[in-house]
PDB file of N, CA and C in Angstrom:
ATOM      1  N   MET A   1      13.400 -67.266  -7.480  1.00  0.00           N
ATOM      2  CA  MET A   1      12.155 -66.910  -8.101  1.00  0.00           C
ATOM      3  C   MET A   1      11.732 -68.006  -9.072  1.00  0.00           C
ATOM      4  N   SER A   2      11.750 -69.223  -8.568  1.00  0.00           N
ATOM      5  CA  SER A   2      11.303 -70.338  -9.388  1.00  0.00           C
ATOM      6  C   SER A   2      10.929 -71.491  -8.482  1.00  0.00           C
ATOM      7  N   ALA A   3      10.420 -72.526  -9.076  1.00  0.00           N
ATOM      8  CA  ALA A   3      10.022 -73.700  -8.304  1.00  0.00           C
ATOM      9  C   ALA A   3      11.216 -74.398  -7.667  1.00  0.00           C
ATOM     10  N   GLU A   4      12.410 -74.207  -8.207  1.00  0.00           N
ATOM     11  CA  GLU A   4      13.607 -74.847  -7.649  1.00  0.00           C
ATOM     12  C   GLU A   4      14.287 -74.000  -6.580  1.00  0.00           C
ATOM     13  N   LYS A   5      14.123 -72.676  -6.663  1.00  0.00           N
ATOM     14  CA  LYS A   5      14.809 -71.781  -5.733  1.00  0.00           C
ATOM     15  C   LYS A   5      13.859 -70.690  -5.242  1.00  0.00           C
ATOM     16  N   PRO A   6      13.151 -70.943  -4.131  1.00  0.00           N
ATOM     17  CA  PRO A   6      12.231 -69.927  -3.594  1.00  0.00           C
ATOM     18  C   PRO A   6      12.984 -68.665  -3.177  1.00  0.00           C
ATOM     19  N   GLU A   7      12.335 -67.511  -3.365  1.00  0.00           N
ATOM     20  CA  GLU A   7      12.900 -66.234  -2.966  1.00  0.00           C
ATOM     21  C   GLU A   7      11.841 -65.414  -2.245  1.00  0.00           C
ATOM     22  N   VAL A   8      12.297 -64.475  -1.424  1.00  0.00           N
ATOM     23  CA  VAL A   8      11.379 -63.554  -0.760  1.00  0.00           C
ATOM     24  C   VAL A   8      10.591 -62.815  -1.835  1.00  0.00           C
ATOM     25  N   GLY A   9       9.284 -62.740  -1.654  1.00  0.00           N
ATOM     26  CA  GLY A   9       8.421 -62.078  -2.624  1.00  0.00           C
ATOM     27  C   GLY A   9       7.677 -63.049  -3.526  1.00  0.00           C
ATOM     28  N   ASP A  10       8.094 -64.303  -3.569  1.00  0.00           N
ATOM     29  CA  ASP A  10       7.405 -65.296  -4.386  1.00  0.00           C
ATOM     30  C   ASP A  10       6.029 -65.598  -3.810  1.00  0.00           C
ATOM     31  N   VAL A  11       5.117 -66.005  -4.685  1.00  0.00           N
ATOM     32  CA  VAL A  11       3.792 -66.453  -4.273  1.00  0.00           C
ATOM     33  C   VAL A  11       3.698 -67.942  -4.584  1.00  0.00           C
ATOM     34  N   TRP A  12       3.319 -68.721  -3.574  1.00  0.00           N
ATOM     35  CA  TRP A  12       3.185 -70.166  -3.698  1.00  0.00           C
ATOM     36  C   TRP A  12       1.776 -70.578  -3.305  1.00  0.00           C
ATOM     37  N   GLU A  13       1.363 -71.767  -3.732  1.00  0.00           N
ATOM     38  CA  GLU A  13       0.013 -72.251  -3.471  1.00  0.00           C
ATOM     39  C   GLU A  13       0.061 -73.618  -2.820  1.00  0.00           C
ATOM     40  N   ARG A  14      -0.869 -73.836  -1.881  1.00  0.00           N
ATOM     41  CA  ARG A  14      -1.032 -75.148  -1.254  1.00  0.00           C
ATOM     42  C   ARG A  14      -2.497 -75.306  -0.877  1.00  0.00           C
ATOM     43  N   HIS A  15      -3.102 -76.389  -1.328  1.00  0.00           N
ATOM     44  CA  HIS A  15      -4.516 -76.689  -1.040  1.00  0.00           C
ATOM     45  C   HIS A  15      -5.441 -75.535  -1.425  1.00  0.00           C
ATOM     46  N   GLY A  16      -5.124 -74.857  -2.511  1.00  0.00           N
ATOM     47  CA  GLY A  16      -5.984 -73.786  -3.005  1.00  0.00           C
ATOM     48  C   GLY A  16      -5.776 -72.429  -2.350  1.00  0.00           C
ATOM     49  N   TYR A  17      -4.830 -72.309  -1.422  1.00  0.00           N
ATOM     50  CA  TYR A  17      -4.551 -71.049  -0.745  1.00  0.00           C
ATOM     51  C   TYR A  17      -3.216 -70.487  -1.217  1.00  0.00           C
ATOM     52  N   LYS A  18      -3.128 -69.174  -1.348  1.00  0.00           N
ATOM     53  CA  LYS A  18      -1.902 -68.511  -1.789  1.00  0.00           C
ATOM     54  C   LYS A  18      -1.146 -67.973  -0.582  1.00  0.00           C
ATOM     55  N   TYR A  19       0.192 -68.076  -0.657  1.00  0.00           N
ATOM     56  CA  TYR A  19       1.062 -67.609   0.408  1.00  0.00           C
ATOM     57  C   TYR A  19       2.214 -66.810  -0.185  1.00  0.00           C
ATOM     58  N   HIS A  20       2.663 -65.815   0.536  1.00  0.00           N
ATOM     59  CA  HIS A  20       3.726 -64.909   0.114  1.00  0.00           C
ATOM     60  C   HIS A  20       4.945 -65.188   0.995  1.00  0.00           C
ATOM     61  N   ILE A  21       6.092 -65.473   0.394  1.00  0.00           N
ATOM     62  CA  ILE A  21       7.310 -65.728   1.168  1.00  0.00           C
ATOM     63  C   ILE A  21       7.839 -64.402   1.699  1.00  0.00           C
ATOM     64  N   VAL A  22       8.034 -64.332   3.018  1.00  0.00           N
ATOM     65  CA  VAL A  22       8.506 -63.095   3.634  1.00  0.00           C
ATOM     66  C   VAL A  22       9.948 -63.174   4.129  1.00  0.00           C
ATOM     67  N   ASP A  23      10.491 -64.381   4.275  1.00  0.00           N
ATOM     68  CA  ASP A  23      11.866 -64.517   4.751  1.00  0.00           C
ATOM     69  C   ASP A  23      12.356 -65.930   4.462  1.00  0.00           C
ATOM     70  N   ILE A  24      13.656 -66.055   4.290  1.00  0.00           N
ATOM     71  CA  ILE A  24      14.307 -67.360   4.165  1.00  0.00           C
ATOM     72  C   ILE A  24      15.486 -67.329   5.119  1.00  0.00           C
ATOM     73  N   ARG A  25      15.495 -68.252   6.089  1.00  0.00           N
ATOM     74  CA  ARG A  25      16.552 -68.256   7.097  1.00  0.00           C
ATOM     75  C   ARG A  25      17.358 -69.537   7.003  1.00  0.00           C
ATOM     76  N   HIS A  26      18.652 -69.389   7.128  1.00  0.00           N
ATOM     77  CA  HIS A  26      19.570 -70.515   7.012  1.00  0.00           C
ATOM     78  C   HIS A  26      20.233 -70.793   8.358  1.00  0.00           C
ATOM     79  N   TRP A  27      19.964 -71.970   8.913  1.00  0.00           N
ATOM     80  CA  TRP A  27      20.665 -72.466  10.091  1.00  0.00           C
ATOM     81  C   TRP A  27      21.215 -73.818   9.687  1.00  0.00           C
ATOM     82  N   GLU A  28      21.012 -74.823  10.494  1.00  0.00           N
ATOM     83  CA  GLU A  28      21.394 -76.175  10.067  1.00  0.00           C
ATOM     84  C   GLU A  28      20.522 -76.598   8.889  1.00  0.00           C
ATOM     85  N   LEU A  29      19.264 -76.184   8.908  1.00  0.00           N
ATOM     86  CA  LEU A  29      18.335 -76.383   7.789  1.00  0.00           C
ATOM     87  C   LEU A  29      17.907 -75.009   7.302  1.00  0.00           C
ATOM     88  N   THR A  30      17.459 -74.935   6.065  1.00  0.00           N
ATOM     89  CA  THR A  30      16.916 -73.686   5.548  1.00  0.00           C
ATOM     90  C   THR A  30      15.407 -73.701   5.760  1.00  0.00           C
ATOM     91  N   TYR A  31      14.880 -72.610   6.321  1.00  0.00           N
ATOM     92  CA  TYR A  31      13.455 -72.494   6.578  1.00  0.00           C
ATOM     93  C   TYR A  31      12.851 -71.400   5.709  1.00  0.00           C
ATOM     94  N   ILE A  32      11.654 -71.675   5.204  1.00  0.00           N
ATOM     95  CA  ILE A  32      10.893 -70.714   4.423  1.00  0.00           C
ATOM     96  C   ILE A  32       9.816 -70.144   5.334  1.00  0.00           C
ATOM     97  N   TYR A  33       9.806 -68.814   5.504  1.00  0.00           N
ATOM     98  CA  TYR A  33       8.767 -68.144   6.282  1.00  0.00           C
ATOM     99  C   TYR A  33       7.777 -67.537   5.307  1.00  0.00           C
ATOM    100  N   TYR A  34       6.487 -67.732   5.575  1.00  0.00           N
ATOM    101  CA  TYR A  34       5.470 -67.245   4.654  1.00  0.00           C
ATOM    102  C   TYR A  34       4.299 -66.646   5.419  1.00  0.00           C
ATOM    103  N   ILE A  35       3.484 -65.885   4.687  1.00  0.00           N
ATOM    104  CA  ILE A  35       2.329 -65.217   5.273  1.00  0.00           C
ATOM    105  C   ILE A  35       1.146 -65.404   4.325  1.00  0.00           C
ATOM    106  N   ASP A  36      -0.057 -65.587   4.890  1.00  0.00           N
ATOM    107  CA  ASP A  36      -1.242 -65.742   4.049  1.00  0.00           C
ATOM    108  C   ASP A  36      -1.988 -64.416   3.948  1.00  0.00           C
ATOM    109  N   LYS A  37      -3.107 -64.420   3.225  1.00  0.00           N
ATOM    110  CA  LYS A  37      -3.832 -63.173   2.987  1.00  0.00           C
ATOM    111  C   LYS A  37      -4.409 -62.569   4.261  1.00  0.00           C
ATOM    112  N   ASP A  38      -4.562 -63.376   5.299  1.00  0.00           N
ATOM    113  CA  ASP A  38      -5.050 -62.879   6.587  1.00  0.00           C
ATOM    114  C   ASP A  38      -3.904 -62.489   7.523  1.00  0.00           C
ATOM    115  N   LEU A  39      -2.688 -62.437   6.988  1.00  0.00           N
ATOM    116  CA  LEU A  39      -1.469 -62.060   7.702  1.00  0.00           C
ATOM    117  C   LEU A  39      -1.076 -63.044   8.795  1.00  0.00           C
ATOM    118  N   ASN A  40      -1.451 -64.314   8.618  1.00  0.00           N
ATOM    119  CA  ASN A  40      -0.984 -65.370   9.511  1.00  0.00           C
ATOM    120  C   ASN A  40       0.368 -65.839   9.019  1.00  0.00           C
ATOM    121  N   GLU A  41       1.346 -65.907   9.902  1.00  0.00           N
ATOM    122  CA  GLU A  41       2.712 -66.261   9.523  1.00  0.00           C
ATOM    123  C   GLU A  41       3.056 -67.661  10.029  1.00  0.00           C
ATOM    124  N   ASP A  42       3.812 -68.409   9.237  1.00  0.00           N
ATOM    125  CA  ASP A  42       4.254 -69.752   9.611  1.00  0.00           C
ATOM    126  C   ASP A  42       5.552 -70.049   8.863  1.00  0.00           C
ATOM    127  N   TYR A  43       6.131 -71.210   9.087  1.00  0.00           N
ATOM    128  CA  TYR A  43       7.372 -71.583   8.425  1.00  0.00           C
ATOM    129  C   TYR A  43       7.465 -73.091   8.271  1.00  0.00           C
ATOM    130  N   GLU A  44       8.318 -73.525   7.330  1.00  0.00           N
ATOM    131  CA  GLU A  44       8.591 -74.941   7.095  1.00  0.00           C
ATOM    132  C   GLU A  44      10.016 -75.095   6.598  1.00  0.00           C
ATOM    133  N   PRO A  45      10.642 -76.246   6.876  1.00  0.00           N
ATOM    134  CA  PRO A  45      11.947 -76.524   6.263  1.00  0.00           C
ATOM    135  C   PRO A  45      11.799 -76.561   4.744  1.00  0.00           C
ATOM    136  N   ILE A  46      12.822 -76.122   4.039  1.00  0.00           N
ATOM    137  CA  ILE A  46      12.734 -75.976   2.583  1.00  0.00           C
ATOM    138  C   ILE A  46      12.438 -77.296   1.868  1.00  0.00           C
ATOM    139  N   ASP A  47      12.979 -78.421   2.341  1.00  0.00           N
ATOM    140  CA  ASP A  47      12.732 -79.687   1.638  1.00  0.00           C
ATOM    141  C   ASP A  47      11.256 -80.079   1.712  1.00  0.00           C
ATOM    142  N   ILE A  48      10.615 -79.884   2.853  1.00  0.00           N
ATOM    143  CA  ILE A  48       9.181 -80.175   2.992  1.00  0.00           C
ATOM    144  C   ILE A  48       8.379 -79.184   2.160  1.00  0.00           C
ATOM    145  N   PHE A  49       8.781 -77.917   2.212  1.00  0.00           N
ATOM    146  CA  PHE A  49       8.114 -76.873   1.455  1.00  0.00           C
ATOM    147  C   PHE A  49       8.103 -77.197  -0.037  1.00  0.00           C
ATOM    148  N   LEU A  50       9.260 -77.520  -0.600  1.00  0.00           N
ATOM    149  CA  LEU A  50       9.356 -77.790  -2.043  1.00  0.00           C
ATOM    150  C   LEU A  50       8.556 -79.015  -2.473  1.00  0.00           C
ATOM    151  N   ASN A  51       8.393 -79.985  -1.579  1.00  0.00           N
ATOM    152  CA  ASN A  51       7.644 -81.197  -1.923  1.00  0.00           C
ATOM    153  C   ASN A  51       6.136 -81.026  -1.814  1.00  0.00           C
ATOM    154  N   ASN A  52       5.661 -79.976  -1.140  1.00  0.00           N
ATOM    155  CA  ASN A  52       4.239 -79.836  -0.872  1.00  0.00           C
ATOM    156  C   ASN A  52       3.593 -78.566  -1.401  1.00  0.00           C
ATOM    157  N   TRP A  53       4.379 -77.682  -1.975  1.00  0.00           N
ATOM    158  CA  TRP A  53       3.870 -76.393  -2.437  1.00  0.00           C
ATOM    159  C   TRP A  53       4.100 -76.241  -3.936  1.00  0.00           C
ATOM    160  N   LYS A  54       3.291 -75.380  -4.569  1.00  0.00           N
ATOM    161  CA  LYS A  54       3.408 -75.126  -6.005  1.00  0.00           C
ATOM    162  C   LYS A  54       3.746 -73.648  -6.220  1.00  0.00           C
ATOM    163  N   TYR A  55       4.808 -73.396  -6.980  1.00  0.00           N
ATOM    164  CA  TYR A  55       5.210 -72.022  -7.306  1.00  0.00           C
ATOM    165  C   TYR A  55       4.194 -71.412  -8.258  1.00  0.00           C
ATOM    166  N   LEU A  56       3.732 -70.187  -7.952  1.00  0.00           N
ATOM    167  CA  LEU A  56       2.805 -69.493  -8.836  1.00  0.00           C
ATOM    168  C   LEU A  56       3.478 -68.353  -9.591  1.00  0.00           C
ATOM    169  N   CYS A  57       4.111 -67.432  -8.859  1.00  0.00           N
ATOM    170  CA  CYS A  57       4.696 -66.266  -9.520  1.00  0.00           C
ATOM    171  C   CYS A  57       5.461 -65.415  -8.521  1.00  0.00           C
ATOM    172  N   LYS A  58       6.099 -64.387  -9.039  1.00  0.00           N
ATOM    173  CA  LYS A  58       6.722 -63.360  -8.215  1.00  0.00           C
ATOM    174  C   LYS A  58       5.649 -62.316  -7.934  1.00  0.00           C
ATOM    175  N   SER A  59       5.514 -61.904  -6.677  1.00  0.00           N
ATOM    176  CA  SER A  59       4.514 -60.915  -6.306  1.00  0.00           C
ATOM    177  C   SER A  59       4.828 -59.557  -6.908  1.00  0.00           C
ATOM    178  N   LYS A  60       3.793 -58.786  -7.238  1.00  0.00           N
ATOM    179  CA  LYS A  60       3.982 -57.422  -7.727  1.00  0.00           C
ATOM    180  C   LYS A  60       4.338 -56.477  -6.581  1.00  0.00           C
ATOM    181  N   ALA A  61       3.941 -56.818  -5.361  1.00  0.00           N
ATOM    182  CA  ALA A  61       4.181 -55.969  -4.195  1.00  0.00           C
ATOM    183  C   ALA A  61       5.052 -56.707  -3.190  1.00  0.00           C
ATOM    184  N   SER A  62       5.628 -55.951  -2.282  1.00  0.00           N
ATOM    185  CA  SER A  62       6.418 -56.554  -1.223  1.00  0.00           C
ATOM    186  C   SER A  62       5.847 -56.140   0.129  1.00  0.00           C
ATOM    187  N   ILE A  63       6.230 -56.843   1.165  1.00  0.00           N
ATOM    188  CA  ILE A  63       5.800 -56.492   2.514  1.00  0.00           C
ATOM    189  C   ILE A  63       6.256 -55.073   2.852  1.00  0.00           C
ATOM    190  N   GLU A  64       7.435 -54.670   2.390  1.00  0.00           N
ATOM    191  CA  GLU A  64       7.943 -53.331   2.657  1.00  0.00           C
ATOM    192  C   GLU A  64       6.993 -52.261   2.104  1.00  0.00           C
ATOM    193  N   ASP A  65       6.325 -52.562   0.971  1.00  0.00           N
ATOM    194  CA  ASP A  65       5.394 -51.598   0.373  1.00  0.00           C
ATOM    195  C   ASP A  65       4.249 -51.272   1.316  1.00  0.00           C
ATOM    196  N   LEU A  66       3.869 -52.187   2.187  1.00  0.00           N
ATOM    197  CA  LEU A  66       2.767 -51.950   3.118  1.00  0.00           C
ATOM    198  C   LEU A  66       3.088 -50.830   4.105  1.00  0.00           C
ATOM    199  N   PHE A  67       4.363 -50.615   4.375  1.00  0.00           N
ATOM    200  CA  PHE A  67       4.768 -49.636   5.382  1.00  0.00           C
ATOM    201  C   PHE A  67       5.392 -48.389   4.796  1.00  0.00           C
ATOM    202  N   GLU A  68       5.390 -48.278   3.464  1.00  0.00           N
ATOM    203  CA  GLU A  68       5.974 -47.122   2.815  1.00  0.00           C
ATOM    204  C   GLU A  68       5.060 -45.912   3.002  1.00  0.00           C
ATOM    205  N   MET A  69       5.667 -44.765   3.278  1.00  0.00           N
ATOM    206  CA  MET A  69       4.892 -43.547   3.507  1.00  0.00           C
ATOM    207  C   MET A  69       5.304 -42.468   2.512  1.00  0.00           C
ATOM    208  N   GLU A  70       4.392 -41.572   2.212  1.00  0.00           N
ATOM    209  CA  GLU A  70       4.678 -40.461   1.296  1.00  0.00           C
ATOM    210  C   GLU A  70       5.015 -39.221   2.076  1.00  0.00           C
TER     211      GLU A  70
END
């Protein structure tokens, strides 16, 4: 939950657009999966991500909240 260590739920910015991290997967490289406000999903290796994105904050909501039922 910082600029040095991205976590699921963080909000990051690139070129004026905000993105929400939805998953972090570790294989030979670590990949950051993110989603934009239009629910478009994409991913990048963590080293490229950290060099090109700006940490904004921890989100108040999570993706799980979208599917929670009463």
